[in-house]
C-alpha atoms as a PDB file:
ATOM      1  CA  MET A   1      21.551 172.394 -96.370  1.00  0.00           C
ATOM      2  CA  GLN A   2      21.597 176.149 -97.126  1.00  0.00           C
ATOM      3  CA  GLY A   3      18.068 177.352 -96.987  1.00  0.00           C
ATOM      4  CA  LYS A   4      14.838 176.604 -98.788  1.00  0.00           C
ATOM      5  CA  ILE A   5      15.013 175.962-102.520  1.00  0.00           C
ATOM      6  CA  ALA A   6      13.185 178.607-104.569  1.00  0.00           C
ATOM      7  CA  LEU A   7      10.356 177.057-106.876  1.00  0.00           C
ATOM      8  CA  PRO A   8       7.258 178.412-108.344  1.00  0.00           C
ATOM      9  CA  GLU A   9       4.510 179.067-105.823  1.00  0.00           C
ATOM     10  CA  ASP A  10       1.366 176.466-105.957  1.00  0.00           C
ATOM     11  CA  SER A  11      -1.341 176.679-108.384  1.00  0.00           C
ATOM     12  CA  ALA A  12      -4.441 177.740-107.187  1.00  0.00           C
ATOM     13  CA  GLY A  13      -5.894 174.132-107.362  1.00  0.00           C
ATOM     14  CA  VAL A  14      -3.221 172.970-105.465  1.00  0.00           C
ATOM     15  CA  ALA A  15      -3.864 175.455-102.812  1.00  0.00           C
ATOM     16  CA  GLU A  16      -7.241 174.424-102.680  1.00  0.00           C
ATOM     17  CA  GLN A  17      -6.089 170.897-102.074  1.00  0.00           C
ATOM     18  CA  THR A  18      -3.975 171.510 -99.297  1.00  0.00           C
ATOM     19  CA  ARG A  19      -6.805 173.596 -97.948  1.00  0.00           C
ATOM     20  CA  HIS A  20      -9.123 170.299 -97.763  1.00  0.00           C
ATOM     21  CA  LEU A  21      -6.075 168.826 -95.943  1.00  0.00           C
ATOM     22  CA  ASP A  22      -5.502 171.130 -93.540  1.00  0.00           C
ATOM     23  CA  ALA A  23      -9.165 170.997 -92.838  1.00  0.00           C
ATOM     24  CA  ALA A  24      -9.203 167.031 -92.410  1.00  0.00           C
ATOM     25  CA  ILE A  25      -6.175 167.573 -90.073  1.00  0.00           C
ATOM     26  CA  SER A  26      -8.163 169.823 -87.908  1.00  0.00           C
ATOM     27  CA  ALA A  27     -11.131 167.958 -87.651  1.00  0.00           C
ATOM     28  CA  LEU A  28      -9.052 164.678 -86.837  1.00  0.00           C
ATOM     29  CA  ASN A  29      -7.459 166.817 -83.746  1.00  0.00           C
ATOM     30  CA  GLU A  30     -10.797 167.416 -82.433  1.00  0.00           C
ATOM     31  CA  ILE A  31     -11.674 163.861 -81.981  1.00  0.00           C
ATOM     32  CA  ILE A  32      -8.192 162.650 -81.188  1.00  0.00           C
ATOM     33  CA  LEU A  33      -7.018 164.902 -78.577  1.00  0.00           C
ATOM     34  CA  GLY A  34      -3.289 165.884 -77.383  1.00  0.00           C
ATOM     35  CA  LYS A  35      -1.978 163.786 -80.202  1.00  0.00           C
ATOM     36  CA  THR A  36      -1.032 166.123 -83.010  1.00  0.00           C
ATOM     37  CA  VAL A  37       2.087 164.742 -84.252  1.00  0.00           C
ATOM     38  CA  GLN A  38       0.752 161.183 -84.239  1.00  0.00           C
ATOM     39  CA  VAL A  39      -2.416 162.500 -86.504  1.00  0.00           C
ATOM     40  CA  ARG A  40      -0.140 164.103 -88.845  1.00  0.00           C
ATOM     41  CA  LEU A  41       2.264 161.020 -89.008  1.00  0.00           C
ATOM     42  CA  CYS A  42      -0.982 158.893 -89.926  1.00  0.00           C
ATOM     43  CA  VAL A  43      -2.171 161.176 -92.744  1.00  0.00           C
ATOM     44  CA  ALA A  44       1.390 161.446 -94.097  1.00  0.00           C
ATOM     45  CA  CYS A  45       1.687 157.795 -93.897  1.00  0.00           C
ATOM     46  CA  MET A  46      -1.418 157.570 -96.225  1.00  0.00           C
ATOM     47  CA  LEU A  47      -0.257 160.363 -98.627  1.00  0.00           C
ATOM     48  CA  ALA A  48       2.678 158.329 -99.058  1.00  0.00           C
ATOM     49  CA  GLN A  49       0.743 155.224 -99.881  1.00  0.00           C
ATOM     50  CA  GLY A  50       2.425 153.380 -96.992  1.00  0.00           C
ATOM     51  CA  HIS A  51       0.340 151.453 -94.295  1.00  0.00           C
ATOM     52  CA  LEU A  52       0.295 152.218 -90.657  1.00  0.00           C
ATOM     53  CA  LEU A  53       1.129 150.164 -87.496  1.00  0.00           C
ATOM     54  CA  ILE A  54       0.160 151.234 -84.076  1.00  0.00           C
ATOM     55  CA  GLU A  55       1.397 149.445 -81.239  1.00  0.00           C
ATOM     56  CA  ASP A  56       0.197 150.369 -77.797  1.00  0.00           C
ATOM     57  CA  ILE A  57      -1.572 149.031 -74.927  1.00  0.00           C
ATOM     58  CA  PRO A  58      -5.195 148.539 -74.963  1.00  0.00           C
ATOM     59  CA  GLY A  59      -7.385 151.590 -74.335  1.00  0.00           C
ATOM     60  CA  VAL A  60      -5.636 154.542 -75.508  1.00  0.00           C
ATOM     61  CA  GLY A  61      -7.758 155.330 -78.671  1.00  0.00           C
ATOM     62  CA  LYS A  62      -6.014 153.164 -81.454  1.00  0.00           C
ATOM     63  CA  THR A  63      -9.440 151.943 -82.570  1.00  0.00           C
ATOM     64  CA  THR A  64     -10.742 155.670 -82.304  1.00  0.00           C
ATOM     65  CA  LEU A  65      -8.013 156.897 -84.496  1.00  0.00           C
ATOM     66  CA  ALA A  66      -8.458 154.418 -87.389  1.00  0.00           C
ATOM     67  CA  HIS A  67     -12.237 155.312 -87.644  1.00  0.00           C
ATOM     68  CA  ALA A  68     -11.673 158.830 -87.389  1.00  0.00           C
ATOM     69  CA  LEU A  69      -9.446 158.639 -90.289  1.00  0.00           C
ATOM     70  CA  ALA A  70     -12.031 156.753 -92.394  1.00  0.00           C
ATOM     71  CA  ARG A  71     -14.740 159.325 -91.303  1.00  0.00           C
ATOM     72  CA  ILE A  72     -13.019 162.440 -91.942  1.00  0.00           C
ATOM     73  CA  LEU A  73     -11.111 161.065 -94.943  1.00  0.00           C
ATOM     74  CA  GLY A  74     -14.359 160.195 -96.472  1.00  0.00           C
ATOM     75  CA  LEU A  75     -13.071 156.247 -97.080  1.00  0.00           C
ATOM     76  CA  SER A  76     -14.844 153.270 -96.720  1.00  0.00           C
ATOM     77  CA  TYR A  77     -14.141 151.421 -93.741  1.00  0.00           C
ATOM     78  CA  GLN A  78     -13.841 147.826 -92.255  1.00  0.00           C
ATOM     79  CA  ARG A  79     -12.689 146.757 -89.107  1.00  0.00           C
ATOM     80  CA  ILE A  80     -11.257 143.181 -88.815  1.00  0.00           C
ATOM     81  CA  GLN A  81     -10.939 141.640 -85.223  1.00  0.00           C
ATOM     82  CA  PHE A  82      -7.806 139.346 -85.555  1.00  0.00           C
ATOM     83  CA  THR A  83      -8.102 136.271 -83.443  1.00  0.00           C
ATOM     84  CA  SER A  84      -5.912 132.704 -83.103  1.00  0.00           C
ATOM     85  CA  ASP A  85      -8.749 131.253 -84.947  1.00  0.00           C
ATOM     86  CA  LEU A  86      -9.257 133.673 -87.877  1.00  0.00           C
ATOM     87  CA  LEU A  87      -8.830 132.269 -91.398  1.00  0.00           C
ATOM     88  CA  PRO A  88      -6.895 134.030 -94.442  1.00  0.00           C
ATOM     89  CA  ALA A  89     -10.186 133.472 -96.301  1.00  0.00           C
ATOM     90  CA  ASP A  90     -12.151 135.905 -93.672  1.00  0.00           C
ATOM     91  CA  ILE A  91      -9.813 138.662 -94.700  1.00  0.00           C
ATOM     92  CA  THR A  92      -9.581 138.135 -98.294  1.00  0.00           C
ATOM     93  CA  GLY A  93     -12.910 136.304 -99.347  1.00  0.00           C
ATOM     94  CA  VAL A  94     -14.212 132.973-100.425  1.00  0.00           C
ATOM     95  CA  SER A  95     -15.440 131.041-103.585  1.00  0.00           C
ATOM     96  CA  VAL A  96     -18.964 129.757-103.252  1.00  0.00           C
ATOM     97  CA  TYR A  97     -20.563 127.338-105.762  1.00  0.00           C
ATOM     98  CA  ASP A  98     -23.334 129.052-107.623  1.00  0.00           C
ATOM     99  CA  ARG A  99     -25.863 126.241-108.476  1.00  0.00           C
ATOM    100  CA  ASP A 100     -27.824 128.512-110.773  1.00  0.00           C
ATOM    101  CA  GLN A 101     -24.845 129.670-112.975  1.00  0.00           C
ATOM    102  CA  ASN A 102     -23.324 126.415-112.368  1.00  0.00           C
ATOM    103  CA  ARG A 103     -19.960 128.043-111.458  1.00  0.00           C
ATOM    104  CA  PHE A 104     -17.870 129.555-108.331  1.00  0.00           C
ATOM    105  CA  ARG A 105     -18.477 133.094-107.567  1.00  0.00           C
ATOM    106  CA  PHE A 106     -15.871 134.965-105.327  1.00  0.00           C
ATOM    107  CA  HIS A 107     -17.439 136.900-102.450  1.00  0.00           C
ATOM    108  CA  ARG A 108     -15.092 139.682-101.332  1.00  0.00           C
ATOM    109  CA  GLY A 109     -13.891 139.762 -97.614  1.00  0.00           C
ATOM    110  CA  PRO A 110     -13.485 143.161 -95.706  1.00  0.00           C
ATOM    111  CA  ILE A 111     -10.242 143.693 -96.908  1.00  0.00           C
ATOM    112  CA  PHE A 112     -11.993 145.202 -99.994  1.00  0.00           C
ATOM    113  CA  SER A 113     -12.204 148.563 -98.664  1.00  0.00           C
ATOM    114  CA  ASN A 114     -10.388 151.979 -98.669  1.00  0.00           C
ATOM    115  CA  LEU A 115      -9.114 151.834 -95.020  1.00  0.00           C
ATOM    116  CA  VAL A 116      -8.883 148.532 -93.233  1.00  0.00           C
ATOM    117  CA  LEU A 117      -8.241 148.320 -89.501  1.00  0.00           C
ATOM    118  CA  ALA A 118      -6.471 145.046 -88.804  1.00  0.00           C
ATOM    119  CA  ASP A 119      -7.014 145.304 -84.944  1.00  0.00           C
ATOM    120  CA  GLU A 120      -4.579 143.167 -82.639  1.00  0.00           C
ATOM    121  CA  VAL A 121      -2.757 141.968 -85.884  1.00  0.00           C
ATOM    122  CA  ASN A 122      -0.347 139.941 -83.707  1.00  0.00           C
ATOM    123  CA  ARG A 123      -3.281 138.244 -82.051  1.00  0.00           C
ATOM    124  CA  ALA A 124      -3.540 135.721 -85.361  1.00  0.00           C
ATOM    125  CA  THR A 125      -1.393 132.972 -86.671  1.00  0.00           C
ATOM    126  CA  PRO A 126       1.424 133.634 -88.728  1.00  0.00           C
ATOM    127  CA  LYS A 127      -0.386 132.276 -91.781  1.00  0.00           C
ATOM    128  CA  THR A 128      -3.504 134.552 -91.269  1.00  0.00           C
ATOM    129  CA  GLN A 129      -0.816 137.511 -90.924  1.00  0.00           C
ATOM    130  CA  SER A 130       0.800 136.555 -94.429  1.00  0.00           C
ATOM    131  CA  ALA A 131      -2.635 136.776 -96.177  1.00  0.00           C
ATOM    132  CA  LEU A 132      -3.027 140.319 -94.803  1.00  0.00           C
ATOM    133  CA  LEU A 133       0.345 141.661 -95.951  1.00  0.00           C
ATOM    134  CA  GLU A 134       0.133 139.762 -99.373  1.00  0.00           C
ATOM    135  CA  ALA A 135      -2.900 141.987 -99.989  1.00  0.00           C
ATOM    136  CA  MET A 136      -1.102 145.074 -98.796  1.00  0.00           C
ATOM    137  CA  GLU A 137       1.963 144.392-100.981  1.00  0.00           C
ATOM    138  CA  GLU A 138       0.449 143.493-104.078  1.00  0.00           C
ATOM    139  CA  GLY A 139      -2.948 145.741-103.668  1.00  0.00           C
ATOM    140  CA  GLN A 140      -4.751 142.991-105.016  1.00  0.00           C
ATOM    141  CA  VAL A 141      -6.245 139.282-104.070  1.00  0.00           C
ATOM    142  CA  THR A 142      -5.931 136.555-106.358  1.00  0.00           C
ATOM    143  CA  ALA A 143      -8.622 133.548-105.680  1.00  0.00           C
ATOM    144  CA  ASP A 144      -9.141 130.509-108.200  1.00  0.00           C
ATOM    145  CA  GLY A 145      -6.846 132.100-110.872  1.00  0.00           C
ATOM    146  CA  GLU A 146      -8.584 135.274-111.041  1.00  0.00           C
ATOM    147  CA  THR A 147      -6.996 138.671-109.797  1.00  0.00           C
ATOM    148  CA  HIS A 148      -9.166 141.136-107.812  1.00  0.00           C
ATOM    149  CA  PRO A 149      -7.805 144.336-107.330  1.00  0.00           C
ATOM    150  CA  LEU A 150      -8.211 146.253-103.968  1.00  0.00           C
ATOM    151  CA  PRO A 151     -10.064 149.744-104.116  1.00  0.00           C
ATOM    152  CA  GLN A 152      -8.087 152.784-104.338  1.00  0.00           C
ATOM    153  CA  PRO A 153      -6.718 154.711-102.118  1.00  0.00           C
ATOM    154  CA  PHE A 154      -6.035 151.538 -99.881  1.00  0.00           C
ATOM    155  CA  PHE A 155      -4.700 152.103 -96.630  1.00  0.00           C
ATOM    156  CA  VAL A 156      -4.202 149.298 -93.587  1.00  0.00           C
ATOM    157  CA  VAL A 157      -3.668 150.696 -90.161  1.00  0.00           C
ATOM    158  CA  ALA A 158      -2.687 147.432 -88.126  1.00  0.00           C
ATOM    159  CA  THR A 159      -2.794 147.743 -84.177  1.00  0.00           C
ATOM    160  CA  GLN A 160      -0.822 145.317 -82.268  1.00  0.00           C
ATOM    161  CA  ASN A 161      -0.271 144.647 -78.115  1.00  0.00           C
ATOM    162  CA  PRO A 162       2.896 144.778 -76.535  1.00  0.00           C
ATOM    163  CA  THR A 163       4.380 141.420 -77.309  1.00  0.00           C
ATOM    164  CA  TYR A 164       4.497 140.341 -73.697  1.00  0.00           C
ATOM    165  CA  GLN A 165       1.243 140.034 -73.666  1.00  0.00           C
ATOM    166  CA  ILE A 166      -0.125 136.550 -73.214  1.00  0.00           C
ATOM    167  CA  GLY A 167      -1.655 135.056 -76.838  1.00  0.00           C
ATOM    168  CA  THR A 168       0.439 137.525 -79.137  1.00  0.00           C
ATOM    169  CA  PHE A 169       2.331 136.166 -82.381  1.00  0.00           C
ATOM    170  CA  PRO A 170       4.999 138.783 -83.135  1.00  0.00           C
ATOM    171  CA  LEU A 171       5.239 140.329 -86.769  1.00  0.00           C
ATOM    172  CA  PRO A 172       8.774 138.888 -88.122  1.00  0.00           C
ATOM    173  CA  GLU A 173      10.958 141.503 -89.741  1.00  0.00           C
ATOM    174  CA  SER A 174      10.164 140.821 -93.318  1.00  0.00           C
ATOM    175  CA  GLN A 175       6.622 141.738 -92.390  1.00  0.00           C
ATOM    176  CA  LEU A 176       7.337 144.446 -90.336  1.00  0.00           C
ATOM    177  CA  ASP A 177       9.100 145.988 -93.052  1.00  0.00           C
ATOM    178  CA  ARG A 178       5.973 146.025 -94.961  1.00  0.00           C
ATOM    179  CA  PHE A 179       4.641 148.931 -92.977  1.00  0.00           C
ATOM    180  CA  LEU A 180       5.945 152.182 -93.762  1.00  0.00           C
ATOM    181  CA  MET A 181       5.325 153.644 -90.457  1.00  0.00           C
ATOM    182  CA  ARG A 182       4.865 152.364 -86.642  1.00  0.00           C
ATOM    183  CA  ILE A 183       3.819 154.800 -84.025  1.00  0.00           C
ATOM    184  CA  ARG A 184       2.713 154.689 -80.621  1.00  0.00           C
ATOM    185  CA  LEU A 185      -0.407 156.772 -78.837  1.00  0.00           C
ATOM    186  CA  GLY A 186       0.617 156.765 -75.183  1.00  0.00           C
ATOM    187  CA  TYR A 187      -1.432 158.145 -72.540  1.00  0.00           C
ATOM    188  CA  PRO A 188      -2.962 161.595 -73.011  1.00  0.00           C
ATOM    189  CA  GLY A 189      -1.701 164.576 -71.001  1.00  0.00           C
ATOM    190  CA  PRO A 190      -3.465 165.166 -67.943  1.00  0.00           C
ATOM    191  CA  ALA A 191      -5.271 168.384 -69.518  1.00  0.00           C
ATOM    192  CA  MET A 192      -6.372 166.304 -72.751  1.00  0.00           C
ATOM    193  CA  GLU A 193      -7.817 163.579 -70.375  1.00  0.00           C
ATOM    194  CA  ARG A 194      -9.638 165.907 -68.125  1.00  0.00           C
ATOM    195  CA  VAL A 195     -11.298 167.172 -71.523  1.00  0.00           C
ATOM    196  CA  LEU A 196     -12.150 163.162 -72.316  1.00  0.00           C
ATOM    197  CA  LEU A 197     -13.684 162.857 -69.115  1.00  0.00           C
ATOM    198  CA  LYS A 198     -15.773 165.662 -69.288  1.00  0.00           C
ATOM    199  CA  GLY A 199     -16.476 166.029 -72.803  1.00  0.00           C
ATOM    200  CA  ASP A 200     -18.636 164.245 -75.462  1.00  0.00           C
ATOM    201  CA  ASP A 201     -18.038 160.159 -76.365  1.00  0.00           C
ATOM    202  CA  ARG A 202     -15.640 160.127 -79.094  1.00  0.00           C
ATOM    203  CA  ARG A 203     -17.773 157.675 -80.914  1.00  0.00           C
ATOM    204  CA  ALA A 204     -20.762 159.937 -80.778  1.00  0.00           C
ATOM    205  CA  MET A 205     -18.658 162.480 -82.445  1.00  0.00           C
ATOM    206  CA  LEU A 206     -17.498 160.169 -84.971  1.00  0.00           C
ATOM    207  CA  ALA A 207     -21.058 159.147 -85.930  1.00  0.00           C
ATOM    208  CA  VAL A 208     -21.859 162.856 -86.621  1.00  0.00           C
ATOM    209  CA  ALA A 209     -18.333 164.033 -88.185  1.00  0.00           C
ATOM    210  CA  ASN A 210     -18.632 165.037 -91.939  1.00  0.00           C
ATOM    211  CA  PRO A 211     -15.914 164.095 -94.352  1.00  0.00           C
ATOM    212  CA  ALA A 212     -13.376 166.845 -95.081  1.00  0.00           C
ATOM    213  CA  ILE A 213     -11.998 165.534 -98.033  1.00  0.00           C
ATOM    214  CA  THR A 214     -13.166 162.909-100.707  1.00  0.00           C
ATOM    215  CA  PRO A 215     -10.985 159.670-101.925  1.00  0.00           C
ATOM    216  CA  ASP A 216     -10.541 161.131-105.569  1.00  0.00           C
ATOM    217  CA  LEU A 217      -8.464 164.136-103.909  1.00  0.00           C
ATOM    218  CA  ILE A 218      -6.487 161.793-101.824  1.00  0.00           C
ATOM    219  CA  ASP A 219      -5.640 160.075-105.055  1.00  0.00           C
ATOM    220  CA  ARG A 220      -4.807 163.344-106.512  1.00  0.00           C
ATOM    221  CA  LEU A 221      -2.540 164.234-103.378  1.00  0.00           C
ATOM    222  CA  GLN A 222      -0.906 160.643-103.271  1.00  0.00           C
ATOM    223  CA  SER A 223       0.061 161.431-107.027  1.00  0.00           C
ATOM    224  CA  ARG A 224       1.656 164.511-106.333  1.00  0.00           C
ATOM    225  CA  VAL A 225       4.001 163.202-103.270  1.00  0.00           C
ATOM    226  CA  PRO A 226       6.832 161.959-105.334  1.00  0.00           C
ATOM    227  CA  GLY A 227       7.046 165.306-107.550  1.00  0.00           C
ATOM    228  CA  ILE A 228       7.772 167.150-104.220  1.00  0.00           C
ATOM    229  CA  PHE A 229      11.301 168.339-104.967  1.00  0.00           C
ATOM    230  CA  THR A 230      14.407 166.759-103.252  1.00  0.00           C
ATOM    231  CA  SER A 231      17.818 168.138-104.069  1.00  0.00           C
ATOM    232  CA  ASP A 232      20.919 166.345-103.924  1.00  0.00           C
ATOM    233  CA  ALA A 233      22.141 167.593-100.857  1.00  0.00           C
ATOM    234  CA  LEU A 234      18.971 166.288 -99.257  1.00  0.00           C
ATOM    235  CA  LEU A 235      19.497 163.062-100.636  1.00  0.00           C
ATOM    236  CA  ASP A 236      23.217 162.820 -99.713  1.00  0.00           C
ATOM    237  CA  TYR A 237      21.711 163.436 -96.171  1.00  0.00           C
ATOM    238  CA  LEU A 238      19.192 160.617 -96.282  1.00  0.00           C
ATOM    239  CA  GLN A 239      21.614 158.099 -97.617  1.00  0.00           C
ATOM    240  CA  ALA A 240      23.875 159.419 -95.045  1.00  0.00           C
ATOM    241  CA  ILE A 241      21.819 157.955 -92.337  1.00  0.00           C
ATOM    242  CA  VAL A 242      20.733 154.905 -94.263  1.00  0.00           C
ATOM    243  CA  ARG A 243      24.588 154.182 -94.477  1.00  0.00           C
ATOM    244  CA  HIS A 244      25.159 154.963 -90.880  1.00  0.00           C
ATOM    245  CA  THR A 245      22.844 152.006 -89.797  1.00  0.00           C
ATOM    246  CA  ARG A 246      24.448 149.592 -92.239  1.00  0.00           C
ATOM    247  CA  GLU A 247      27.873 150.541 -90.425  1.00  0.00           C
ATOM    248  CA  GLU A 248      26.766 150.707 -86.962  1.00  0.00           C
ATOM    249  CA  THR A 249      27.634 147.504 -84.874  1.00  0.00           C
ATOM    250  CA  ASP A 250      24.741 147.950 -82.740  1.00  0.00           C
ATOM    251  CA  TYR A 251      22.109 146.803 -85.073  1.00  0.00           C
ATOM    252  CA  GLU A 252      21.631 143.310 -86.536  1.00  0.00           C
ATOM    253  CA  SER A 253      21.381 144.685 -90.011  1.00  0.00           C
ATOM    254  CA  GLY A 254      20.743 148.304 -91.709  1.00  0.00           C
ATOM    255  CA  LEU A 255      18.381 149.625 -93.171  1.00  0.00           C
ATOM    256  CA  SER A 256      17.101 148.247 -96.717  1.00  0.00           C
ATOM    257  CA  PRO A 257      16.864 150.079 -99.718  1.00  0.00           C
ATOM    258  CA  ARG A 258      12.953 149.740 -99.643  1.00  0.00           C
ATOM    259  CA  ALA A 259      13.395 151.308 -95.929  1.00  0.00           C
ATOM    260  CA  ALA A 260      15.376 154.293 -97.865  1.00  0.00           C
ATOM    261  CA  ILE A 261      12.606 154.710-100.325  1.00  0.00           C
ATOM    262  CA  SER A 262      10.106 154.486 -97.285  1.00  0.00           C
ATOM    263  CA  LEU A 263      11.772 157.450 -95.677  1.00  0.00           C
ATOM    264  CA  LEU A 264      11.860 159.614 -98.490  1.00  0.00           C
ATOM    265  CA  ARG A 265       8.126 159.329 -99.297  1.00  0.00           C
ATOM    266  CA  ALA A 266       7.524 159.759 -95.734  1.00  0.00           C
ATOM    267  CA  SER A 267       9.724 162.799 -95.769  1.00  0.00           C
ATOM    268  CA  GLN A 268       7.947 164.225 -98.931  1.00  0.00           C
ATOM    269  CA  ALA A 269       4.494 163.379 -97.581  1.00  0.00           C
ATOM    270  CA  TRP A 270       5.727 165.329 -94.560  1.00  0.00           C
ATOM    271  CA  ALA A 271       6.803 168.285 -96.601  1.00  0.00           C
ATOM    272  CA  MET A 272       3.191 168.447 -98.210  1.00  0.00           C
ATOM    273  CA  LEU A 273       1.699 168.510 -94.964  1.00  0.00           C
ATOM    274  CA  HIS A 274       3.475 171.515 -94.357  1.00  0.00           C
ATOM    275  CA  HIS A 275       2.680 173.432 -97.612  1.00  0.00           C
ATOM    276  CA  ARG A 276       6.309 173.173 -99.082  1.00  0.00           C
ATOM    277  CA  ASN A 277       7.180 171.878-102.307  1.00  0.00           C
ATOM    278  CA  ALA A 278      10.559 170.898-101.207  1.00  0.00           C
ATOM    279  CA  VAL A 279      12.082 168.433 -98.754  1.00  0.00           C
ATOM    280  CA  LEU A 280      13.928 169.738 -95.932  1.00  0.00           C
ATOM    281  CA  PRO A 281      15.974 168.142 -93.380  1.00  0.00           C
ATOM    282  CA  GLU A 282      13.556 169.097 -90.886  1.00  0.00           C
ATOM    283  CA  ASP A 283      10.949 166.707 -92.670  1.00  0.00           C
ATOM    284  CA  VAL A 284      13.454 164.026 -92.643  1.00  0.00           C
ATOM    285  CA  GLN A 285      13.853 164.444 -89.189  1.00  0.00           C
ATOM    286  CA  ALA A 286      10.192 164.651 -88.238  1.00  0.00           C
ATOM    287  CA  VAL A 287       9.359 161.309 -89.695  1.00  0.00           C
ATOM    288  CA  LEU A 288      12.725 159.422 -88.931  1.00  0.00           C
ATOM    289  CA  PRO A 289      11.552 157.935 -85.443  1.00  0.00           C
ATOM    290  CA  ALA A 290       8.195 156.627 -87.090  1.00  0.00           C
ATOM    291  CA  VAL A 291       9.911 154.947 -90.401  1.00  0.00           C
ATOM    292  CA  VAL A 292      12.978 153.514 -89.083  1.00  0.00           C
ATOM    293  CA  GLY A 293      12.091 152.439 -85.630  1.00  0.00           C
ATOM    294  CA  HIS A 294      10.610 149.067 -86.265  1.00  0.00           C
ATOM    295  CA  ARG A 295      13.141 148.064 -88.948  1.00  0.00           C
ATOM    296  CA  LEU A 296      16.360 148.204 -86.751  1.00  0.00           C
ATOM    297  CA  ARG A 297      16.642 145.627 -84.187  1.00  0.00           C
ATOM    298  CA  SER A 298      19.605 145.472 -81.243  1.00  0.00           C
ATOM    299  CA  ARG A 299      22.400 143.242 -81.891  1.00  0.00           C
ATOM    300  CA  GLN A 300      22.531 142.432 -78.353  1.00  0.00           C
ATOM    301  CA  ASP A 301      19.110 140.836 -77.398  1.00  0.00           C
ATOM    302  CA  GLY A 302      17.288 141.026 -80.960  1.00  0.00           C
ATOM    303  CA  SER A 303      14.558 143.227 -79.966  1.00  0.00           C
ATOM    304  CA  VAL A 304      13.012 146.135 -81.788  1.00  0.00           C
ATOM    305  CA  THR A 305      14.740 149.460 -80.824  1.00  0.00           C
ATOM    306  CA  ASP A 306      13.285 152.140 -79.049  1.00  0.00           C
ATOM    307  CA  PRO A 307      12.124 154.749 -81.944  1.00  0.00           C
ATOM    308  CA  ASP A 308      12.944 157.914 -80.258  1.00  0.00           C
ATOM    309  CA  ARG A 309      16.333 156.806 -78.936  1.00  0.00           C
ATOM    310  CA  VAL A 310      17.460 155.382 -82.261  1.00  0.00           C
ATOM    311  CA  ALA A 311      16.493 158.661 -84.033  1.00  0.00           C
ATOM    312  CA  ARG A 312      18.344 160.663 -81.567  1.00  0.00           C
ATOM    313  CA  THR A 313      21.270 158.560 -81.855  1.00  0.00           C
ATOM    314  CA  LEU A 314      21.321 158.667 -85.802  1.00  0.00           C
ATOM    315  CA  LEU A 315      20.671 162.220 -85.986  1.00  0.00           C
ATOM    316  CA  GLU A 316      23.677 163.123 -83.509  1.00  0.00           C
ATOM    317  CA  ALA A 317      25.879 160.845 -85.609  1.00  0.00           C
ATOM    318  CA  VAL A 318      24.735 162.142 -89.028  1.00  0.00           C
ATOM    319  CA  PRO A 319      25.502 165.866 -89.653  1.00  0.00           C
ATOM    320  CA  ILE A 320      23.392 167.864 -91.822  1.00  0.00           C
ATOM    321  CA  PRO A 321      25.390 168.639 -95.244  1.00  0.00           C
END
């Protein structure tokens, strides 16, 4: 693509919104050390109104990251520990008979929160997993014929242990596709790990951290994301990437139209984070591993592809217009 698109400058109100967004990312980076890309991907996923899956070994900061997101973004927060005996009603809520009013009253479950951490989601049974994913997809819970809308903004951060660990129920492809992004945190670098060892406890830092943004502002930012300008040439590039996955014989199946929309929305959110009002190829390339890695399976053994490797393969195969 030839250069940037010349568009009018942001208004003072928009500039103020992005200033608060920068402050939020800076505050998150003070708590989650050495993971600047992952932090930005998390915020971009939230701005694109998607949901996030974090897959990694225990102890690398998945729960801390989710709690930090809620704290710094000013969101109400609930953590659900997924276990093999967890029931769908433990997530969505249950109707209890009220003798005084002679009727059933719905008691809301922990899903009714702005940010929900579904911790170790693949340790629950498929039926319980489906209850969470249905709420994610519909943005509401139905009980006894009555619909209860979920609060807005609504953002699910699910953590998943590696599938080789004992007692896991791997998420099927259709449910993985409900997550806009999947990321890994990995081990910290030596310098950042030394800071962790010598510095303040991260949980203690969270306890005194102040919100840098409000839910109302997040709503406004989310509404702006689909309006980030996308040129025809950029759409050609995005469609070429999607088409290549459908024609490439290494994958069981290519990216779906929903995956293509997810890639577009994530690219627009990434452009917003970098104060651009138009999407560039670099934005698509930045979010590509997190958006497509969990949606493509190897034809050889059916395993989920390595996100960085599949992104490199796609970017090498598909030229920028």
